[in-house]
Protein backbone atom coordinates (compact mmCIF):
# COMPACT_ATOMS: atom_id res chain seq x y z
CA MET A 1 0.00 0.00 0.00
CA ALA A 2 1.33 3.43 -0.95
CA LEU A 3 2.02 6.13 1.62
CA GLY A 4 -0.95 8.38 2.27
CA LYS A 5 -3.51 5.71 1.39
CA VAL A 6 -5.80 4.27 4.03
CA ASN A 7 -7.24 0.80 3.67
CA ARG A 8 -10.87 -0.09 4.34
CA LYS A 9 -10.10 -1.73 7.70
CA GLU A 10 -8.34 1.41 8.97
CA LEU A 11 -11.25 3.57 7.80
CA THR A 12 -13.67 1.39 9.75
CA LEU A 13 -11.54 1.72 12.88
CA ILE A 14 -11.36 5.51 12.48
CA ALA A 15 -15.13 5.74 11.95
CA ASP A 16 -15.72 3.64 15.09
CA VAL A 17 -13.34 5.67 17.28
CA LEU A 18 -14.54 9.19 16.39
CA PRO A 19 -18.13 8.78 17.64
CA MET A 20 -16.76 7.35 20.89
CA GLN A 21 -14.59 10.47 21.30
CA TYR A 22 -17.65 12.64 20.70
CA ASP A 23 -19.54 10.65 23.33
CA LEU A 24 -16.76 11.37 25.82
CA VAL A 25 -16.89 15.11 25.02
CA ILE A 26 -20.66 15.09 25.55
CA LYS A 27 -20.38 13.22 28.86
CA ARG A 28 -17.60 15.49 30.13
CA THR A 29 -19.54 18.63 29.13
CA LEU A 30 -22.68 17.47 30.94
CA ARG A 31 -20.68 16.71 34.08
CA GLU A 32 -19.05 20.14 33.94
CA ALA A 33 -22.43 21.83 33.43
CA GLN A 34 -23.85 19.97 36.41
CA GLY A 35 -20.83 20.97 38.46
CA MET A 36 -21.34 24.64 37.60
CA LEU A 37 -24.98 24.46 38.64
CA TRP A 38 -24.29 22.48 41.81
CA ALA A 39 -21.54 24.89 42.85
CA ASN A 40 -24.08 27.67 42.62
CA LEU A 41 -26.58 26.13 45.02
CA PRO A 42 -27.12 27.80 48.39
CA PRO A 43 -25.34 28.24 50.71
CA ALA A 44 -22.30 28.46 48.37
CA SER A 45 -23.84 30.51 45.54
CA ASN A 46 -20.41 31.49 44.25
CA LEU A 47 -21.69 33.26 41.14
CA PRO A 48 -24.69 35.41 40.39
CA ASP A 49 -27.18 33.60 38.12
CA ALA A 50 -26.27 35.82 35.15
CA GLN A 51 -22.58 34.91 35.47
CA ALA A 52 -23.37 31.21 35.86
CA VAL A 53 -25.50 31.30 32.68
CA LYS A 54 -22.69 33.12 30.85
CA SER A 55 -20.18 30.47 31.96
CA LEU A 56 -22.50 27.65 30.92
CA ARG A 57 -23.01 29.25 27.51
CA ALA A 58 -19.25 29.46 27.05
CA LEU A 59 -18.95 25.79 27.97
CA VAL A 60 -21.54 24.47 25.50
CA ARG A 61 -20.52 26.80 22.67
CA THR A 62 -16.97 25.54 22.33
CA PRO A 63 -15.98 24.14 18.92
CA GLN A 64 -15.42 20.68 20.45
CA VAL A 65 -18.94 20.54 21.88
CA HIS A 66 -20.44 21.89 18.67
CA GLN A 67 -18.61 19.19 16.69
CA ALA A 68 -19.71 16.47 19.13
CA LEU A 69 -23.35 17.55 18.88
CA LYS A 70 -23.14 17.65 15.10
CA ARG A 71 -21.31 14.38 14.51
CA GLY A 72 -21.77 12.30 17.65
CA ASN A 73 -24.08 9.37 18.14
CA ASP A 74 -27.71 10.18 18.89
CA THR A 75 -27.54 8.93 22.45
CA ALA A 76 -29.63 10.03 25.41
CA LEU A 77 -26.69 12.10 26.66
CA CYS A 78 -26.44 13.85 23.30
CA PHE A 79 -30.15 14.75 23.44
CA VAL A 80 -29.72 16.11 26.97
CA LEU A 81 -26.81 18.28 25.86
CA ARG A 82 -28.88 19.53 22.92
CA ALA A 83 -31.64 20.45 25.38
CA VAL A 84 -29.12 22.32 27.54
CA ASN A 85 -27.85 24.13 24.47
CA ARG A 86 -31.38 25.11 23.50
CA ILE A 87 -32.21 26.39 26.99
CA LEU A 88 -29.03 28.46 26.97
CA SER A 89 -29.89 29.91 23.56
CA ASP A 90 -33.02 31.53 25.01
CA GLU A 91 -32.40 35.04 26.27
CA GLY A 92 -34.77 34.80 29.26
CA GLN A 93 -34.10 35.85 32.81
CA PRO A 94 -31.00 34.15 34.28
CA ASN A 95 -32.90 32.70 37.26
CA THR A 96 -35.48 31.17 34.88
CA THR A 97 -32.67 29.73 32.76
CA ILE A 98 -31.02 28.26 35.86
CA ASN A 99 -34.32 26.67 36.94
CA ARG A 100 -34.90 25.18 33.49
CA LEU A 101 -31.34 23.82 33.40
CA SER A 102 -31.81 22.33 36.87
CA ASP A 103 -34.90 20.49 35.64
CA VAL A 104 -32.88 18.93 32.82
CA LEU A 105 -29.51 18.38 34.48
CA ASP A 106 -30.72 16.82 37.71
CA GLU A 107 -32.85 14.03 36.30
CA PRO A 108 -32.13 10.76 38.13
CA GLU A 109 -31.73 8.92 34.80
CA LEU A 110 -29.11 11.41 33.66
CA ASN A 111 -27.21 11.08 36.91
CA ARG A 112 -27.25 7.30 36.57
CA ALA A 113 -26.02 7.55 32.97
CA LEU A 114 -23.20 9.81 34.14
CA GLY A 115 -22.47 7.53 37.08
CA GLN A 116 -23.10 10.05 39.84
CA ASN A 117 -25.56 11.00 42.55
CA SER A 118 -27.91 13.95 42.47
CA ARG A 119 -26.30 16.76 44.43
CA MET A 120 -28.93 19.34 43.59
CA ILE A 121 -31.74 17.42 45.23
CA LEU A 122 -29.56 16.70 48.26
CA GLY A 123 -28.77 20.42 48.56
CA GLN A 124 -32.43 21.38 48.44
CA LYS A 125 -33.79 19.00 51.08
CA LYS A 126 -35.81 20.59 53.82
CA PRO A 127 -34.62 20.13 57.39
CA PRO A 128 -36.41 17.35 59.30
CA ALA A 129 -39.58 18.33 61.13
CA ARG A 130 -39.24 18.51 64.94
């Protein structure tokens, strides 16, 4: 085989590996988005809602995430990230955006798919009645 030519077997391997890399980008991005939201729960509330939304927009609008959404497998995680991207594209009030993102990013099924526990629900539990 001449230099610069790729055989059919190598092409198949490349085609199989790329979607897996996109899946990893999607999973990592969702974990980071959850982390940003969870870090902003009371009592920490490190960022104002507007700054948190701005940071989340920057996260999901990177070229790597855009490429993963465009070319990745249509998995449940990909659909969740598309939903996050859509919520962040709306120019509503930051607190409304945060609430909508919380509804999407703290679903028990998503947390199971990402292999983690729900921190948002734990942070919002009411104290026990006395």
